[in-house]
Amino acid sequence: MAKAKGGKLHPLPFTTFGEIAALGLKATVDCSRCYEHRPIDAAAEHLRDRCFATTRFRCTRIRYTGNVCGCLGSVEIEPAVLLPVGGEDTLAFLYCSTCLPSWEINHVPIDRPPWSVVNREGNDRFKCPGCGKAVAWRIHGATWRPIGSTAKRERGTDGPEKYDAGRDGRSDDVDAQQ
């Protein structure tokens, strides 16, 4: 994604795994071949001072064939505790698809510090610490959970009930008419 005219590239609030841990965020490595999701200790000695965008991970899961998967893993960063449903925060999902492997930062409250330094209407973007290009993003409205999540839902938010009565008030179920 090319930088829009007139916009400014801002550095991300963190670039190393140690800074991720200090901000209370969690990091996982995801394998696109075998769908393995593994949490990593961002405060570990061997990772603490390394840039999250340039560190490469290889999947070590044993496949059904008996071979090691070996696929490059992508780093995924998100808050340790997700924001409450129905909040007023605007969420952004940041990612860099030009870096290999790619990385993403999910559930970013884009209107709160330290993220609010970017003027979204002025075409400002964050700068990728790996490749130096503009970070792409998807911006969503208020906090929500997808249908089927384990979060408590209110009646009527998922559409009609599974066993709803017909239009005339009678049930179409044969067992219910007996």
Foldseek 3Di string as FASTA:
>chain_A
DAQDPQAAAAADPDFFLLVLVVVQKWKWWAFPPPGDIGTDNSNDPVGVPDGLLQDWDFAQDQDPVRDGPGGITEMEMEHPDADDAPDFFKWKKKKDVVGVVIYIYGGDSCCDPPNVPGDVVSRYAYAHPPPRGGIDMDIGGGDHDDPPDPDDDDPPPVHDDPQADDPVRHGPDPVVVD
